């Protein structure tokens, strides 16, 4: 595992888009947009959003033997992030991404409109009920060919060690995929909340790092 460099951003965005395009969140964001167009503009949108974390957080990656990326994890101090969570990242991209000018305004408007249900289910501050200042894992993905090879463990354990070394009392994350919950439980996370809004259910997990900690 290593810290990502600026030149990794395109590969990072392509990895994240490829891993999550068939998931509920990106399917919602690109709803009504034909798959060919979504795959063409999606990595561009995500790449600009990555700049948000390059400037405000940590981006860790694992290299693949072919020179690509086998996996990536994005984390940050939540006090440095927008209260709008994933949609805040998109707004950041709109303000800072000149490349988005090549994407028709109608498509950008549609993506923003599609993002509203995701914003509705997501609370950027749910963890404050349990811990005021956790380290926050915002994105985590392992390329399909490298799942089951230890990449996920390397990234998660590396991020947890990084958070502990920085003195964070806990690590927080959310997932919209129920099937991901057992993996996080295996690493010691506790499922603290399950919140449903419309068609989306968010699973909110916390891993204590310091003791005693009443979470």
N, C-alpha and C. Protein backbone atom coordinates (compact mmCIF):
# COMPACT_ATOMS: atom_id res chain seq x y z
N UNK A 1 0.84 -1.19 0.00
CA UNK A 1 0.00 0.00 0.00
C UNK A 1 0.88 1.25 0.00
N UNK A 2 0.46 2.24 -0.76
CA UNK A 2 1.19 3.50 -0.81
C UNK A 2 0.22 4.66 -0.95
N UNK A 3 0.70 5.86 -0.70
CA UNK A 3 -0.10 7.05 -0.93
C UNK A 3 -0.21 7.28 -2.44
N UNK A 4 -1.38 7.62 -2.90
CA UNK A 4 -1.57 7.89 -4.32
C UNK A 4 -0.91 9.20 -4.72
N UNK A 5 -0.52 9.26 -5.97
CA UNK A 5 0.04 10.48 -6.54
C UNK A 5 -0.96 11.09 -7.52
N UNK A 6 -0.74 12.34 -7.85
CA UNK A 6 -1.66 13.03 -8.76
C UNK A 6 -1.80 12.28 -10.08
N UNK A 7 -0.73 11.68 -10.53
CA UNK A 7 -0.79 10.97 -11.81
C UNK A 7 -1.62 9.69 -11.72
N UNK A 8 -2.00 9.28 -10.51
CA UNK A 8 -2.85 8.10 -10.34
C UNK A 8 -4.34 8.42 -10.48
N UNK A 9 -4.69 9.69 -10.58
CA UNK A 9 -6.10 10.06 -10.47
C UNK A 9 -6.96 9.44 -11.56
N UNK A 10 -6.48 9.39 -12.79
CA UNK A 10 -7.29 8.82 -13.87
C UNK A 10 -7.53 7.33 -13.63
N UNK A 11 -6.46 6.60 -13.26
CA UNK A 11 -6.61 5.17 -12.98
C UNK A 11 -7.48 4.94 -11.76
N UNK A 12 -7.35 5.81 -10.76
CA UNK A 12 -8.17 5.69 -9.55
C UNK A 12 -9.64 5.87 -9.87
N UNK A 13 -9.96 6.89 -10.66
CA UNK A 13 -11.35 7.13 -11.04
C UNK A 13 -11.91 5.99 -11.87
N UNK A 14 -11.09 5.47 -12.80
CA UNK A 14 -11.54 4.34 -13.63
C UNK A 14 -11.81 3.12 -12.77
N UNK A 15 -10.95 2.87 -11.77
CA UNK A 15 -11.15 1.74 -10.86
C UNK A 15 -12.45 1.89 -10.09
N UNK A 16 -12.66 3.08 -9.48
CA UNK A 16 -13.85 3.30 -8.67
C UNK A 16 -15.11 3.21 -9.52
N UNK A 17 -15.07 3.79 -10.71
CA UNK A 17 -16.27 3.74 -11.56
C UNK A 17 -16.57 2.31 -11.98
N UNK A 18 -15.54 1.57 -12.36
CA UNK A 18 -15.76 0.20 -12.81
C UNK A 18 -16.32 -0.68 -11.69
N UNK A 19 -15.83 -0.47 -10.46
CA UNK A 19 -16.28 -1.30 -9.34
C UNK A 19 -17.69 -0.94 -8.87
N UNK A 20 -18.07 0.31 -9.05
CA UNK A 20 -19.33 0.76 -8.47
C UNK A 20 -20.43 1.08 -9.48
N UNK A 21 -20.14 1.02 -10.78
CA UNK A 21 -21.16 1.39 -11.75
C UNK A 21 -22.39 0.51 -11.66
N UNK A 22 -22.20 -0.76 -11.37
CA UNK A 22 -23.35 -1.66 -11.28
C UNK A 22 -23.99 -1.66 -9.89
N UNK A 23 -23.42 -0.90 -8.97
CA UNK A 23 -23.99 -0.80 -7.62
C UNK A 23 -25.10 0.24 -7.60
N UNK A 24 -25.86 0.22 -6.52
CA UNK A 24 -27.07 1.04 -6.42
C UNK A 24 -26.78 2.53 -6.51
N UNK A 25 -25.68 2.97 -5.89
CA UNK A 25 -25.41 4.40 -5.84
C UNK A 25 -25.15 5.00 -7.22
N UNK A 26 -24.22 4.40 -7.97
CA UNK A 26 -23.92 4.94 -9.29
C UNK A 26 -25.05 4.68 -10.28
N UNK A 27 -25.76 3.57 -10.11
CA UNK A 27 -26.93 3.35 -10.96
C UNK A 27 -27.95 4.47 -10.77
N UNK A 28 -28.09 4.94 -9.53
CA UNK A 28 -28.99 6.06 -9.27
C UNK A 28 -28.45 7.34 -9.87
N UNK A 29 -27.17 7.61 -9.67
CA UNK A 29 -26.59 8.86 -10.16
C UNK A 29 -26.64 8.95 -11.68
N UNK A 30 -26.52 7.81 -12.37
CA UNK A 30 -26.51 7.81 -13.83
C UNK A 30 -27.82 7.26 -14.41
N UNK A 31 -28.85 7.27 -13.61
CA UNK A 31 -30.17 6.81 -14.06
C UNK A 31 -30.66 7.66 -15.24
N UNK A 32 -31.17 6.98 -16.28
CA UNK A 32 -31.67 7.70 -17.45
C UNK A 32 -30.60 8.08 -18.45
N UNK A 33 -29.35 7.76 -18.15
CA UNK A 33 -28.23 8.04 -19.05
C UNK A 33 -27.77 6.72 -19.63
N UNK A 34 -27.68 6.62 -20.93
CA UNK A 34 -27.36 5.33 -21.55
C UNK A 34 -25.98 4.87 -21.09
N UNK A 35 -25.80 3.56 -20.94
CA UNK A 35 -24.54 3.03 -20.37
C UNK A 35 -23.29 3.49 -21.11
N UNK A 36 -23.36 3.61 -22.43
CA UNK A 36 -22.17 4.04 -23.17
C UNK A 36 -21.76 5.44 -22.77
N UNK A 37 -22.74 6.34 -22.64
CA UNK A 37 -22.44 7.71 -22.22
C UNK A 37 -21.96 7.74 -20.77
N UNK A 38 -22.63 6.95 -19.92
CA UNK A 38 -22.24 6.91 -18.51
C UNK A 38 -20.80 6.46 -18.35
N UNK A 39 -20.41 5.43 -19.10
CA UNK A 39 -19.05 4.93 -19.00
C UNK A 39 -18.04 5.90 -19.60
N UNK A 40 -18.50 6.74 -20.51
CA UNK A 40 -17.60 7.73 -21.11
C UNK A 40 -17.36 8.91 -20.18
N UNK A 41 -18.42 9.41 -19.53
CA UNK A 41 -18.28 10.61 -18.71
C UNK A 41 -18.08 10.30 -17.22
N UNK A 42 -18.49 9.09 -16.80
CA UNK A 42 -18.44 8.76 -15.38
C UNK A 42 -17.05 8.88 -14.77
N UNK A 43 -16.02 8.25 -15.37
CA UNK A 43 -14.68 8.38 -14.78
C UNK A 43 -14.19 9.83 -14.73
N UNK A 44 -14.60 10.65 -15.69
CA UNK A 44 -14.21 12.06 -15.66
C UNK A 44 -14.80 12.74 -14.45
N UNK A 45 -16.08 12.51 -14.20
CA UNK A 45 -16.74 13.10 -13.03
C UNK A 45 -16.07 12.62 -11.75
N UNK A 46 -15.81 11.31 -11.66
CA UNK A 46 -15.19 10.77 -10.46
C UNK A 46 -13.75 11.25 -10.30
N UNK A 47 -13.03 11.42 -11.40
CA UNK A 47 -11.66 11.88 -11.33
C UNK A 47 -11.59 13.27 -10.71
N UNK A 48 -12.51 14.13 -11.10
CA UNK A 48 -12.52 15.47 -10.53
C UNK A 48 -12.90 15.43 -9.06
N UNK A 49 -13.79 14.54 -8.72
CA UNK A 49 -14.15 14.38 -7.32
C UNK A 49 -12.99 13.89 -6.48
N UNK A 50 -12.08 13.12 -7.09
CA UNK A 50 -10.92 12.65 -6.35
C UNK A 50 -10.05 13.81 -5.88
N UNK A 51 -10.04 14.90 -6.65
CA UNK A 51 -9.26 16.06 -6.24
C UNK A 51 -9.67 16.57 -4.87
N UNK A 52 -10.93 16.39 -4.57
CA UNK A 52 -11.48 16.77 -3.26
C UNK A 52 -10.72 16.06 -2.14
N UNK A 53 -10.43 14.77 -2.34
CA UNK A 53 -9.75 14.01 -1.30
C UNK A 53 -8.24 14.16 -1.38
N UNK A 54 -7.70 14.41 -2.56
CA UNK A 54 -6.27 14.68 -2.64
C UNK A 54 -5.91 15.93 -1.86
N UNK A 55 -6.84 16.89 -1.80
CA UNK A 55 -6.58 18.14 -1.10
C UNK A 55 -7.04 18.12 0.35
N UNK A 56 -7.98 17.22 0.70
CA UNK A 56 -8.56 17.26 2.03
C UNK A 56 -8.42 15.95 2.82
N UNK A 57 -7.80 14.95 2.23
CA UNK A 57 -7.73 13.67 2.93
C UNK A 57 -6.56 12.83 2.49
N UNK A 58 -6.75 11.52 2.56
CA UNK A 58 -5.71 10.55 2.22
C UNK A 58 -6.24 9.60 1.15
N UNK A 59 -5.42 9.33 0.16
CA UNK A 59 -5.77 8.37 -0.88
C UNK A 59 -4.68 7.30 -0.91
N UNK A 60 -5.06 6.09 -0.54
CA UNK A 60 -4.12 4.97 -0.52
C UNK A 60 -4.46 4.02 -1.66
N UNK A 61 -3.42 3.45 -2.29
CA UNK A 61 -3.64 2.52 -3.39
C UNK A 61 -2.70 1.34 -3.26
N UNK A 62 -3.07 0.23 -3.90
CA UNK A 62 -2.20 -0.93 -4.07
C UNK A 62 -2.00 -1.15 -5.56
N UNK A 63 -0.77 -1.33 -5.96
CA UNK A 63 -0.46 -1.49 -7.37
C UNK A 63 -0.72 -2.93 -7.83
N UNK A 64 -1.17 -3.06 -9.07
CA UNK A 64 -1.35 -4.36 -9.71
C UNK A 64 -0.07 -4.72 -10.47
N UNK A 65 0.17 -6.00 -10.71
CA UNK A 65 1.37 -6.40 -11.45
C UNK A 65 1.47 -5.80 -12.84
N UNK A 66 0.31 -5.49 -13.45
CA UNK A 66 0.34 -4.96 -14.81
C UNK A 66 0.55 -3.45 -14.84
N UNK A 67 0.79 -2.84 -13.69
CA UNK A 67 1.02 -1.40 -13.64
C UNK A 67 -0.21 -0.59 -13.32
N UNK A 68 -1.38 -1.23 -13.31
CA UNK A 68 -2.61 -0.54 -12.93
C UNK A 68 -2.78 -0.53 -11.43
N UNK A 69 -4.01 -0.29 -11.00
CA UNK A 69 -4.31 -0.27 -9.58
C UNK A 69 -5.15 -1.49 -9.22
N UNK A 70 -4.73 -2.22 -8.18
CA UNK A 70 -5.48 -3.38 -7.72
C UNK A 70 -6.56 -3.00 -6.73
N UNK A 71 -6.38 -1.87 -6.05
CA UNK A 71 -7.37 -1.44 -5.07
C UNK A 71 -7.04 -0.05 -4.58
N UNK A 72 -8.02 0.57 -3.92
CA UNK A 72 -7.84 1.93 -3.41
C UNK A 72 -8.75 2.17 -2.21
N UNK A 73 -8.29 3.02 -1.32
CA UNK A 73 -9.07 3.43 -0.15
C UNK A 73 -8.86 4.91 0.06
N UNK A 74 -9.96 5.62 0.28
CA UNK A 74 -9.92 7.07 0.49
C UNK A 74 -10.44 7.38 1.88
N UNK A 75 -9.67 8.12 2.66
CA UNK A 75 -10.08 8.48 4.01
C UNK A 75 -9.74 9.92 4.32
N UNK A 76 -10.30 10.42 5.44
CA UNK A 76 -10.08 11.82 5.80
C UNK A 76 -10.57 12.08 7.21
N UNK A 77 -10.13 13.20 7.76
CA UNK A 77 -10.73 13.74 8.97
C UNK A 77 -12.06 14.35 8.55
N UNK A 78 -13.19 13.90 9.08
CA UNK A 78 -14.49 14.38 8.61
C UNK A 78 -14.70 15.88 8.81
N UNK A 79 -13.93 16.48 9.70
CA UNK A 79 -14.08 17.92 9.91
C UNK A 79 -13.61 18.72 8.70
N UNK A 80 -12.85 18.08 7.83
CA UNK A 80 -12.34 18.75 6.63
C UNK A 80 -13.24 18.51 5.42
N UNK A 81 -14.29 17.72 5.57
CA UNK A 81 -15.13 17.35 4.45
C UNK A 81 -16.45 18.11 4.45
N UNK A 82 -17.06 18.20 3.29
CA UNK A 82 -18.36 18.85 3.16
C UNK A 82 -19.42 18.09 3.93
N UNK A 83 -20.34 18.82 4.53
CA UNK A 83 -21.43 18.17 5.24
C UNK A 83 -22.38 17.45 4.29
N UNK A 84 -22.23 17.66 2.99
CA UNK A 84 -23.10 17.01 2.01
C UNK A 84 -22.56 15.66 1.54
N UNK A 85 -21.44 15.22 2.10
CA UNK A 85 -20.92 13.90 1.78
C UNK A 85 -20.64 13.72 0.30
N UNK A 86 -21.07 12.59 -0.32
CA UNK A 86 -20.75 12.32 -1.72
C UNK A 86 -21.22 13.41 -2.67
N UNK A 87 -22.36 14.02 -2.37
CA UNK A 87 -22.84 15.09 -3.26
C UNK A 87 -21.97 16.33 -3.12
N UNK A 88 -21.43 16.55 -1.92
CA UNK A 88 -20.50 17.65 -1.73
C UNK A 88 -19.26 17.48 -2.59
N UNK A 89 -18.82 16.23 -2.76
CA UNK A 89 -17.68 15.95 -3.63
C UNK A 89 -18.00 16.33 -5.07
N UNK A 90 -19.25 16.06 -5.48
CA UNK A 90 -19.63 16.39 -6.85
C UNK A 90 -19.68 17.91 -7.04
N UNK A 91 -20.20 18.64 -6.04
CA UNK A 91 -20.23 20.09 -6.13
C UNK A 91 -18.81 20.65 -6.19
N UNK A 92 -17.90 20.04 -5.45
CA UNK A 92 -16.49 20.44 -5.50
C UNK A 92 -15.98 20.29 -6.93
N UNK A 93 -16.31 19.16 -7.55
CA UNK A 93 -15.87 18.92 -8.92
C UNK A 93 -16.42 19.97 -9.87
N UNK A 94 -17.68 20.36 -9.65
CA UNK A 94 -18.27 21.38 -10.52
C UNK A 94 -17.53 22.70 -10.41
N UNK A 95 -17.09 23.03 -9.20
CA UNK A 95 -16.41 24.32 -8.99
C UNK A 95 -14.98 24.31 -9.50
N UNK A 96 -14.34 23.14 -9.51
CA UNK A 96 -12.92 23.08 -9.80
C UNK A 96 -12.57 22.35 -11.10
N UNK A 97 -13.52 21.78 -11.75
CA UNK A 97 -13.21 20.95 -12.91
C UNK A 97 -13.52 21.57 -14.25
N UNK A 98 -12.51 22.11 -14.88
CA UNK A 98 -12.72 22.68 -16.21
C UNK A 98 -13.09 21.60 -17.23
N UNK A 99 -12.62 20.38 -16.98
CA UNK A 99 -12.91 19.30 -17.92
C UNK A 99 -14.41 19.05 -18.02
N UNK A 100 -15.15 19.36 -16.95
CA UNK A 100 -16.59 19.16 -16.97
C UNK A 100 -17.28 20.05 -18.00
N UNK A 101 -16.59 21.06 -18.46
CA UNK A 101 -17.18 21.93 -19.48
C UNK A 101 -17.42 21.18 -20.79
N UNK A 102 -16.75 20.06 -20.96
CA UNK A 102 -16.95 19.25 -22.16
C UNK A 102 -18.17 18.34 -22.04
N UNK A 103 -18.77 18.29 -20.84
CA UNK A 103 -19.97 17.47 -20.63
C UNK A 103 -21.18 18.38 -20.70
N UNK A 104 -22.18 18.06 -21.52
CA UNK A 104 -23.35 18.93 -21.66
C UNK A 104 -23.99 19.26 -20.32
N UNK A 105 -24.43 20.51 -20.18
CA UNK A 105 -25.06 20.94 -18.93
C UNK A 105 -26.27 20.09 -18.58
N UNK A 106 -26.99 19.63 -19.60
CA UNK A 106 -28.18 18.82 -19.33
C UNK A 106 -27.81 17.53 -18.62
N UNK A 107 -26.67 16.93 -19.00
CA UNK A 107 -26.23 15.70 -18.34
C UNK A 107 -25.80 15.97 -16.91
N UNK A 108 -25.07 17.07 -16.70
CA UNK A 108 -24.63 17.41 -15.35
C UNK A 108 -25.84 17.68 -14.45
N UNK A 109 -26.82 18.38 -15.01
CA UNK A 109 -28.04 18.66 -14.24
C UNK A 109 -28.77 17.37 -13.89
N UNK A 110 -28.81 16.46 -14.84
CA UNK A 110 -29.47 15.17 -14.59
C UNK A 110 -28.76 14.38 -13.50
N UNK A 111 -27.42 14.37 -13.53
CA UNK A 111 -26.66 13.66 -12.50
C UNK A 111 -26.90 14.27 -11.13
N UNK A 112 -26.93 15.59 -11.06
CA UNK A 112 -27.19 16.25 -9.77
C UNK A 112 -28.59 15.94 -9.28
N UNK A 113 -29.55 15.95 -10.19
CA UNK A 113 -30.93 15.64 -9.80
C UNK A 113 -31.03 14.19 -9.34
N UNK A 114 -30.36 13.30 -10.05
CA UNK A 114 -30.37 11.89 -9.66
C UNK A 114 -29.73 11.65 -8.29
N UNK A 115 -28.82 12.55 -7.90
CA UNK A 115 -28.08 12.36 -6.65
C UNK A 115 -28.90 12.70 -5.41
N UNK A 116 -30.04 13.33 -5.57
CA UNK A 116 -30.82 13.76 -4.41
C UNK A 116 -31.21 12.62 -3.48
N UNK A 117 -31.66 11.45 -3.99
CA UNK A 117 -31.99 10.36 -3.07
C UNK A 117 -30.80 9.87 -2.27
N UNK A 118 -29.60 9.96 -2.83
CA UNK A 118 -28.40 9.56 -2.11
C UNK A 118 -28.10 10.54 -1.00
N UNK A 119 -28.26 11.82 -1.30
CA UNK A 119 -28.09 12.85 -0.28
C UNK A 119 -29.10 12.65 0.84
N UNK A 120 -30.32 12.25 0.50
CA UNK A 120 -31.38 12.10 1.49
C UNK A 120 -31.08 10.98 2.49
N UNK A 121 -30.43 9.91 2.03
CA UNK A 121 -30.17 8.77 2.92
C UNK A 121 -28.87 8.95 3.70
N UNK A 122 -28.03 9.85 3.25
CA UNK A 122 -26.71 9.99 3.85
C UNK A 122 -26.67 11.10 4.88
N UNK A 123 -26.15 10.79 6.06
CA UNK A 123 -25.90 11.79 7.09
C UNK A 123 -24.41 11.85 7.34
N UNK A 124 -23.82 13.03 7.14
CA UNK A 124 -22.39 13.16 7.32
C UNK A 124 -21.98 13.22 8.78
N UNK A 125 -22.95 13.26 9.69
CA UNK A 125 -22.62 13.45 11.10
C UNK A 125 -23.25 12.41 12.01
N UNK A 126 -23.68 11.29 11.50
CA UNK A 126 -24.33 10.28 12.33
C UNK A 126 -23.44 9.79 13.46
N UNK A 127 -22.13 9.73 13.20
CA UNK A 127 -21.18 9.17 14.15
C UNK A 127 -21.02 10.04 15.40
N UNK A 128 -21.45 11.31 15.36
CA UNK A 128 -21.26 12.19 16.51
C UNK A 128 -22.02 11.71 17.74
N UNK A 129 -23.00 10.87 17.52
CA UNK A 129 -23.73 10.29 18.66
C UNK A 129 -22.81 9.37 19.46
N UNK A 130 -21.76 8.85 18.82
CA UNK A 130 -20.89 7.88 19.45
C UNK A 130 -19.46 8.37 19.62
N UNK A 131 -19.02 9.23 18.71
CA UNK A 131 -17.62 9.65 18.70
C UNK A 131 -17.51 10.97 17.94
N UNK A 132 -16.90 11.95 18.56
CA UNK A 132 -16.87 13.28 17.95
C UNK A 132 -15.93 13.43 16.78
N UNK A 133 -14.84 12.65 16.76
CA UNK A 133 -13.81 12.87 15.73
C UNK A 133 -13.21 11.55 15.27
N UNK A 134 -13.93 10.75 14.53
CA UNK A 134 -13.34 9.52 14.00
C UNK A 134 -12.57 9.81 12.71
N UNK A 135 -11.78 8.85 12.30
CA UNK A 135 -11.22 8.87 10.95
C UNK A 135 -12.29 8.30 10.04
N UNK A 136 -12.51 8.94 8.89
CA UNK A 136 -13.65 8.59 8.05
C UNK A 136 -13.18 7.94 6.75
N UNK A 137 -13.64 6.72 6.49
CA UNK A 137 -13.36 6.05 5.22
C UNK A 137 -14.50 6.36 4.26
N UNK A 138 -14.18 7.08 3.20
CA UNK A 138 -15.21 7.56 2.27
C UNK A 138 -15.38 6.64 1.07
N UNK A 139 -14.30 6.03 0.60
CA UNK A 139 -14.37 5.17 -0.57
C UNK A 139 -13.41 3.99 -0.38
N UNK A 140 -13.81 2.84 -0.87
CA UNK A 140 -12.97 1.65 -0.73
C UNK A 140 -13.37 0.67 -1.83
N UNK A 141 -12.40 0.24 -2.62
CA UNK A 141 -12.70 -0.68 -3.72
C UNK A 141 -11.48 -1.53 -4.04
N UNK A 142 -11.74 -2.77 -4.42
CA UNK A 142 -10.71 -3.69 -4.89
C UNK A 142 -11.14 -4.20 -6.26
N UNK A 143 -10.24 -4.13 -7.22
CA UNK A 143 -10.54 -4.59 -8.57
C UNK A 143 -10.91 -6.08 -8.52
N UNK A 144 -11.89 -6.45 -9.32
CA UNK A 144 -12.44 -7.81 -9.26
C UNK A 144 -11.37 -8.91 -9.36
N UNK A 145 -10.38 -8.82 -10.26
CA UNK A 145 -9.40 -9.91 -10.35
C UNK A 145 -8.55 -10.08 -9.09
N UNK A 146 -8.52 -9.07 -8.22
CA UNK A 146 -7.64 -9.12 -7.06
C UNK A 146 -8.40 -9.32 -5.75
N UNK A 147 -9.69 -9.57 -5.84
CA UNK A 147 -10.43 -9.86 -4.63
C UNK A 147 -10.05 -11.25 -4.12
N UNK A 148 -9.92 -11.36 -2.81
CA UNK A 148 -9.51 -12.62 -2.22
C UNK A 148 -8.01 -12.83 -2.22
N UNK A 149 -7.24 -11.82 -2.60
CA UNK A 149 -5.78 -11.94 -2.64
C UNK A 149 -5.10 -11.22 -1.48
N UNK A 150 -5.87 -10.62 -0.60
CA UNK A 150 -5.29 -9.90 0.54
C UNK A 150 -5.22 -8.41 0.35
N UNK A 151 -5.64 -7.90 -0.82
CA UNK A 151 -5.59 -6.46 -1.07
C UNK A 151 -6.53 -5.71 -0.14
N UNK A 152 -7.74 -6.23 0.04
CA UNK A 152 -8.70 -5.57 0.93
C UNK A 152 -8.15 -5.47 2.35
N UNK A 153 -7.57 -6.56 2.83
CA UNK A 153 -6.99 -6.55 4.18
C UNK A 153 -5.85 -5.54 4.27
N UNK A 154 -4.99 -5.51 3.26
CA UNK A 154 -3.86 -4.58 3.27
C UNK A 154 -4.34 -3.13 3.34
N UNK A 155 -5.35 -2.80 2.56
CA UNK A 155 -5.85 -1.43 2.54
C UNK A 155 -6.56 -1.07 3.84
N UNK A 156 -7.45 -1.94 4.29
CA UNK A 156 -8.20 -1.64 5.52
C UNK A 156 -7.28 -1.58 6.73
N UNK A 157 -6.43 -2.57 6.89
CA UNK A 157 -5.54 -2.56 8.04
C UNK A 157 -4.56 -1.40 7.96
N UNK A 158 -4.11 -1.06 6.77
CA UNK A 158 -3.22 0.09 6.61
C UNK A 158 -3.89 1.39 7.00
N UNK A 159 -5.15 1.56 6.60
CA UNK A 159 -5.88 2.77 6.95
C UNK A 159 -6.16 2.84 8.44
N UNK A 160 -6.48 1.70 9.04
CA UNK A 160 -6.74 1.65 10.47
C UNK A 160 -5.47 1.99 11.25
N UNK A 161 -4.34 1.45 10.82
CA UNK A 161 -3.08 1.76 11.47
C UNK A 161 -2.73 3.24 11.32
N UNK A 162 -3.01 3.80 10.15
CA UNK A 162 -2.76 5.22 9.91
C UNK A 162 -3.62 6.07 10.85
N UNK A 163 -4.90 5.71 10.98
CA UNK A 163 -5.80 6.45 11.86
C UNK A 163 -5.35 6.37 13.31
N UNK A 164 -4.95 5.17 13.75
CA UNK A 164 -4.50 4.99 15.12
C UNK A 164 -3.23 5.81 15.39
N UNK A 165 -2.31 5.83 14.42
CA UNK A 165 -1.07 6.58 14.60
C UNK A 165 -1.32 8.08 14.69
N UNK A 166 -2.41 8.54 14.07
CA UNK A 166 -2.75 9.96 14.11
C UNK A 166 -3.57 10.32 15.35
N UNK A 167 -3.89 9.33 16.17
CA UNK A 167 -4.60 9.59 17.41
C UNK A 167 -6.10 9.64 17.31
N UNK A 168 -6.67 9.16 16.21
CA UNK A 168 -8.13 9.14 16.09
C UNK A 168 -8.70 8.06 17.02
N UNK A 169 -9.81 8.35 17.70
CA UNK A 169 -10.38 7.38 18.62
C UNK A 169 -11.17 6.26 17.95
N UNK A 170 -11.51 6.44 16.68
CA UNK A 170 -12.34 5.44 16.00
C UNK A 170 -12.24 5.66 14.49
N UNK A 171 -12.72 4.67 13.74
CA UNK A 171 -12.84 4.77 12.29
C UNK A 171 -14.31 4.58 11.95
N UNK A 172 -14.84 5.45 11.11
CA UNK A 172 -16.25 5.40 10.71
C UNK A 172 -16.35 5.18 9.20
N UNK A 173 -17.41 4.50 8.80
CA UNK A 173 -17.70 4.35 7.38
C UNK A 173 -19.17 4.00 7.20
N UNK A 174 -19.63 4.15 5.97
CA UNK A 174 -20.98 3.72 5.62
C UNK A 174 -20.92 2.90 4.35
N UNK A 175 -21.92 2.08 4.15
CA UNK A 175 -22.06 1.34 2.90
C UNK A 175 -23.54 1.21 2.57
N UNK A 176 -23.84 1.26 1.29
CA UNK A 176 -25.21 1.03 0.82
C UNK A 176 -25.42 -0.44 0.45
N UNK A 177 -24.36 -1.24 0.57
CA UNK A 177 -24.44 -2.65 0.18
C UNK A 177 -24.46 -3.53 1.42
N UNK A 178 -25.58 -4.18 1.64
CA UNK A 178 -25.70 -5.05 2.81
C UNK A 178 -24.66 -6.16 2.80
N UNK A 179 -24.30 -6.63 1.61
CA UNK A 179 -23.36 -7.74 1.52
C UNK A 179 -21.96 -7.36 1.98
N UNK A 180 -21.68 -6.04 2.08
CA UNK A 180 -20.36 -5.61 2.56
C UNK A 180 -20.24 -5.63 4.08
N UNK A 181 -21.37 -5.63 4.77
CA UNK A 181 -21.35 -5.50 6.23
C UNK A 181 -20.56 -6.61 6.91
N UNK A 182 -20.74 -7.91 6.55
CA UNK A 182 -19.97 -8.96 7.24
C UNK A 182 -18.46 -8.76 7.15
N UNK A 183 -17.97 -8.25 6.04
CA UNK A 183 -16.52 -8.02 5.92
C UNK A 183 -16.06 -7.01 6.95
N UNK A 184 -16.81 -5.91 7.09
CA UNK A 184 -16.40 -4.89 8.05
C UNK A 184 -16.53 -5.40 9.49
N UNK A 185 -17.54 -6.20 9.76
CA UNK A 185 -17.67 -6.80 11.09
C UNK A 185 -16.47 -7.69 11.39
N UNK A 186 -15.98 -8.38 10.37
CA UNK A 186 -14.82 -9.25 10.54
C UNK A 186 -13.59 -8.45 10.97
N UNK A 187 -13.49 -7.20 10.54
CA UNK A 187 -12.36 -6.36 10.89
C UNK A 187 -12.58 -5.61 12.21
N UNK A 188 -13.67 -5.90 12.89
CA UNK A 188 -13.90 -5.31 14.20
C UNK A 188 -14.86 -4.15 14.24
N UNK A 189 -15.38 -3.75 13.09
CA UNK A 189 -16.36 -2.67 13.08
C UNK A 189 -17.65 -3.13 13.75
N UNK A 190 -18.37 -2.17 14.31
CA UNK A 190 -19.67 -2.45 14.92
C UNK A 190 -20.74 -1.73 14.10
N UNK A 191 -21.80 -2.44 13.77
CA UNK A 191 -22.91 -1.84 13.05
C UNK A 191 -23.72 -1.01 14.04
N UNK A 192 -23.67 0.31 13.87
CA UNK A 192 -24.30 1.20 14.84
C UNK A 192 -25.68 1.67 14.41
N UNK A 193 -25.88 1.84 13.11
CA UNK A 193 -27.18 2.32 12.64
C UNK A 193 -27.49 1.70 11.29
N UNK A 194 -28.77 1.48 11.05
CA UNK A 194 -29.28 1.11 9.73
C UNK A 194 -30.39 2.10 9.41
N UNK A 195 -30.17 2.90 8.38
CA UNK A 195 -31.11 3.98 8.07
C UNK A 195 -31.64 3.81 6.65
N UNK A 196 -32.95 3.81 6.52
CA UNK A 196 -33.60 3.66 5.21
C UNK A 196 -34.34 4.93 4.85
N UNK A 197 -34.15 5.36 3.62
CA UNK A 197 -34.88 6.52 3.09
C UNK A 197 -35.19 6.21 1.63
N UNK A 198 -36.46 6.10 1.31
CA UNK A 198 -36.84 5.74 -0.05
C UNK A 198 -36.36 4.35 -0.40
N UNK A 199 -35.68 4.23 -1.52
CA UNK A 199 -35.19 2.93 -1.98
C UNK A 199 -33.81 2.59 -1.46
N UNK A 200 -33.22 3.46 -0.63
CA UNK A 200 -31.85 3.26 -0.19
C UNK A 200 -31.78 2.96 1.29
N UNK A 201 -30.89 2.05 1.65
CA UNK A 201 -30.60 1.76 3.05
C UNK A 201 -29.10 1.92 3.27
N UNK A 202 -28.76 2.72 4.26
CA UNK A 202 -27.34 2.96 4.57
C UNK A 202 -26.98 2.24 5.87
N UNK A 203 -25.90 1.48 5.82
CA UNK A 203 -25.39 0.75 6.99
C UNK A 203 -24.20 1.54 7.53
N UNK A 204 -24.27 1.94 8.79
CA UNK A 204 -23.30 2.84 9.39
C UNK A 204 -22.51 2.09 10.45
N UNK A 205 -21.18 2.08 10.29
CA UNK A 205 -20.32 1.25 11.13
C UNK A 205 -19.21 2.07 11.77
N UNK A 206 -18.78 1.62 12.94
CA UNK A 206 -17.74 2.32 13.69
C UNK A 206 -16.78 1.29 14.30
N UNK A 207 -15.49 1.58 14.20
CA UNK A 207 -14.46 0.73 14.79
C UNK A 207 -13.74 1.51 15.88
N UNK A 208 -13.85 1.12 17.16
CA UNK A 208 -13.13 1.82 18.22
C UNK A 208 -11.63 1.53 18.16
N UNK A 209 -10.83 2.56 18.35
CA UNK A 209 -9.37 2.41 18.34
C UNK A 209 -8.76 2.65 19.70
N UNK A 210 -9.39 3.51 20.50
CA UNK A 210 -8.87 3.84 21.82
C UNK A 210 -9.81 3.31 22.88
N UNK A 211 -9.29 2.93 23.99
CA UNK A 211 -10.10 2.42 25.09
C UNK A 211 -9.75 3.21 26.37
N UNK A 212 -10.75 3.57 27.18
CA UNK A 212 -12.17 3.24 27.01
C UNK A 212 -12.84 4.19 26.04
N UNK A 213 -13.79 3.66 25.30
CA UNK A 213 -14.57 4.46 24.35
C UNK A 213 -15.99 3.92 24.34
N UNK A 214 -16.92 4.73 24.72
CA UNK A 214 -18.31 4.27 24.87
C UNK A 214 -19.05 4.30 23.55
N UNK A 215 -18.67 3.40 22.64
CA UNK A 215 -19.36 3.33 21.36
C UNK A 215 -19.83 1.89 21.14
